[in-house]
C-alpha atoms as a PDB file:
ATOM      1  CA  MET A   1    -114.780 -11.761-143.617  1.00  0.00           C
ATOM      2  CA  PRO A   2    -115.720  -8.531-141.774  1.00  0.00           C
ATOM      3  CA  ILE A   3    -114.935  -5.486-143.778  1.00  0.00           C
ATOM      4  CA  TYR A   4    -112.879  -2.974-141.162  1.00  0.00           C
ATOM      5  CA  GLU A   5    -112.708   0.377-141.950  1.00  0.00           C
ATOM      6  CA  TYR A   6    -108.501   2.024-141.628  1.00  0.00           C
ATOM      7  CA  GLN A   7    -106.744   4.439-140.820  1.00  0.00           C
ATOM      8  CA  CYS A   8    -103.320   5.041-142.349  1.00  0.00           C
ATOM      9  CA  LYS A   9    -101.044   6.866-138.523  1.00  0.00           C
ATOM     10  CA  LYS A  10     -98.512   7.229-141.586  1.00  0.00           C
ATOM     11  CA  CYS A  11    -100.059   9.721-144.709  1.00  0.00           C
ATOM     12  CA  GLY A  12    -104.152   9.686-142.569  1.00  0.00           C
ATOM     13  CA  HIS A  13    -105.624   8.238-145.039  1.00  0.00           C
ATOM     14  CA  GLU A  14    -108.677   6.126-144.587  1.00  0.00           C
ATOM     15  CA  PHE A  15    -109.830   3.110-146.332  1.00  0.00           C
ATOM     16  CA  GLU A  16    -112.042   0.310-145.450  1.00  0.00           C
ATOM     17  CA  GLN A  17    -110.239  -3.334-146.317  1.00  0.00           C
ATOM     18  CA  LEU A  18    -111.987  -7.124-146.396  1.00  0.00           C
ATOM     19  CA  VAL A  19    -109.416  -9.242-143.716  1.00  0.00           C
ATOM     20  CA  PHE A  20    -108.923 -12.848-144.049  1.00  0.00           C
ATOM     21  CA  GLY A  21    -108.004 -13.864-140.845  1.00  0.00           C
ATOM     22  CA  GLN A  22    -104.385 -12.752-138.803  1.00  0.00           C
ATOM     23  CA  GLU A  23    -103.740 -11.323-142.104  1.00  0.00           C
ATOM     24  CA  ALA A  24    -102.013  -7.611-141.736  1.00  0.00           C
ATOM     25  CA  PRO A  25    -103.978  -4.354-144.066  1.00  0.00           C
ATOM     26  CA  LYS A  26    -101.679  -1.862-145.111  1.00  0.00           C
ATOM     27  CA  CYS A  27    -102.500   1.802-146.900  1.00  0.00           C
ATOM     28  CA  PRO A  28    -103.801   1.272-149.972  1.00  0.00           C
ATOM     29  CA  THR A  29    -102.131   4.536-150.905  1.00  0.00           C
ATOM     30  CA  CYS A  30     -98.772   5.014-149.506  1.00  0.00           C
ATOM     31  CA  GLY A  31     -98.420   1.145-148.538  1.00  0.00           C
ATOM     32  CA  GLY A  32     -97.522   2.342-144.501  1.00  0.00           C
ATOM     33  CA  ALA A  33     -98.180  -1.412-142.415  1.00  0.00           C
ATOM     34  CA  LYS A  34     -99.000   0.735-138.996  1.00  0.00           C
ATOM     35  CA  VAL A  35    -102.512   1.882-139.344  1.00  0.00           C
ATOM     36  CA  CYS A  36    -105.805   1.803-136.505  1.00  0.00           C
ATOM     37  CA  ARG A  37    -109.150   0.224-137.123  1.00  0.00           C
ATOM     38  CA  LEU A  38    -111.849   2.688-136.786  1.00  0.00           C
ATOM     39  CA  MET A  39    -114.820   2.773-135.616  1.00  0.00           C
ATOM     40  CA  SER A  40    -117.640   2.026-137.583  1.00  0.00           C
ATOM     41  CA  CYS A  41    -121.213   3.881-137.959  1.00  0.00           C
ATOM     42  CA  CYS A  42    -124.211   1.655-137.770  1.00  0.00           C
ATOM     43  CA  GLY A  43    -127.460   1.575-138.639  1.00  0.00           C
ATOM     44  CA  PHE A  44    -130.282  -0.963-136.914  1.00  0.00           C
ATOM     45  CA  ILE A  45    -134.253  -1.106-136.208  1.00  0.00           C
ATOM     46  CA  SER A  46    -134.949  -2.737-132.851  1.00  0.00           C
ATOM     47  CA  LYS A  47    -139.091  -2.962-131.414  1.00  0.00           C
ATOM     48  CA  GLY A  48    -139.032  -1.017-128.373  1.00  0.00           C
ATOM     49  CA  ALA A  49    -141.272  -0.997-125.643  1.00  0.00           C
ATOM     50  CA  GLY A  50    -145.040  -1.566-126.584  1.00  0.00           C
ATOM     51  CA  GLY A  51    -144.142  -3.436-130.112  1.00  0.00           C
ATOM     52  CA  GLN A  52    -142.887  -0.063-132.025  1.00  0.00           C
ATOM     53  CA  THR A  53    -139.608   0.106-134.542  1.00  0.00           C
ATOM     54  CA  VAL A  54    -136.662   1.939-133.295  1.00  0.00           C
ATOM     55  CA  SER A  55    -134.283   3.371-135.463  1.00  0.00           C
ATOM     56  CA  ALA A  56    -131.124   4.785-134.566  1.00  0.00           C
ATOM     57  CA  SER A  57    -127.588   4.647-136.153  1.00  0.00           C
ATOM     58  CA  ALA A  58    -124.569   6.099-134.183  1.00  0.00           C
ATOM     59  CA  GLY A  59    -124.188   8.685-137.096  1.00  0.00           C
ATOM     60  CA  SER A  60    -126.629  10.656-136.002  1.00  0.00           C
ATOM     61  CA  SER A  61    -125.953   9.729-132.204  1.00  0.00           C
ATOM     62  CA  SER A  62    -123.539  11.504-130.243  1.00  0.00           C
ATOM     63  CA  CYS A  63    -121.056   8.402-130.746  1.00  0.00           C
ATOM     64  CA  GLY A  64    -120.174   9.722-134.437  1.00  0.00           C
ATOM     65  CA  GLY A  65    -117.558  11.711-134.027  1.00  0.00           C
ATOM     66  CA  CYS A  66    -116.134   9.636-131.697  1.00  0.00           C
ATOM     67  CA  SER A  67    -112.524   8.425-131.593  1.00  0.00           C
ATOM     68  CA  ALA A  68    -112.702   5.966-128.667  1.00  0.00           C
ATOM     69  CA  SER A  69    -111.777   2.896-130.116  1.00  0.00           C
ATOM     70  CA  SER A  70    -114.787   0.807-128.162  1.00  0.00           C
ATOM     71  CA  CYS A  71    -117.872   2.223-126.461  1.00  0.00           C
ATOM     72  CA  ALA A  72    -116.424   1.497-122.683  1.00  0.00           C
ATOM     73  CA  GLY A  73    -112.966   3.605-123.474  1.00  0.00           C
ATOM     74  CA  CYS A  74    -115.442   7.216-123.803  1.00  0.00           C
ATOM     75  CA  GLY A  75    -117.672   6.931-121.201  1.00  0.00           C
ATOM     76  CA  HIS A  76    -121.626   7.262-123.317  1.00  0.00           C
END
């Protein structure tokens, strides 16, 4: 079961919630059911050309403040 990040459209509170199947998340602060899923920052390590380790994080890139719902939505 994945943990997703959400923002409540009613009060603006950002929260994380473990989601089971088709379960609809609700804001833990105000109980609002209208929430939008946020793009989570994640880090990864990958092998670059020649085998050297390359580290990156969405939080440190230009995409860290992106409000698009997917990478295809922002054009980067």
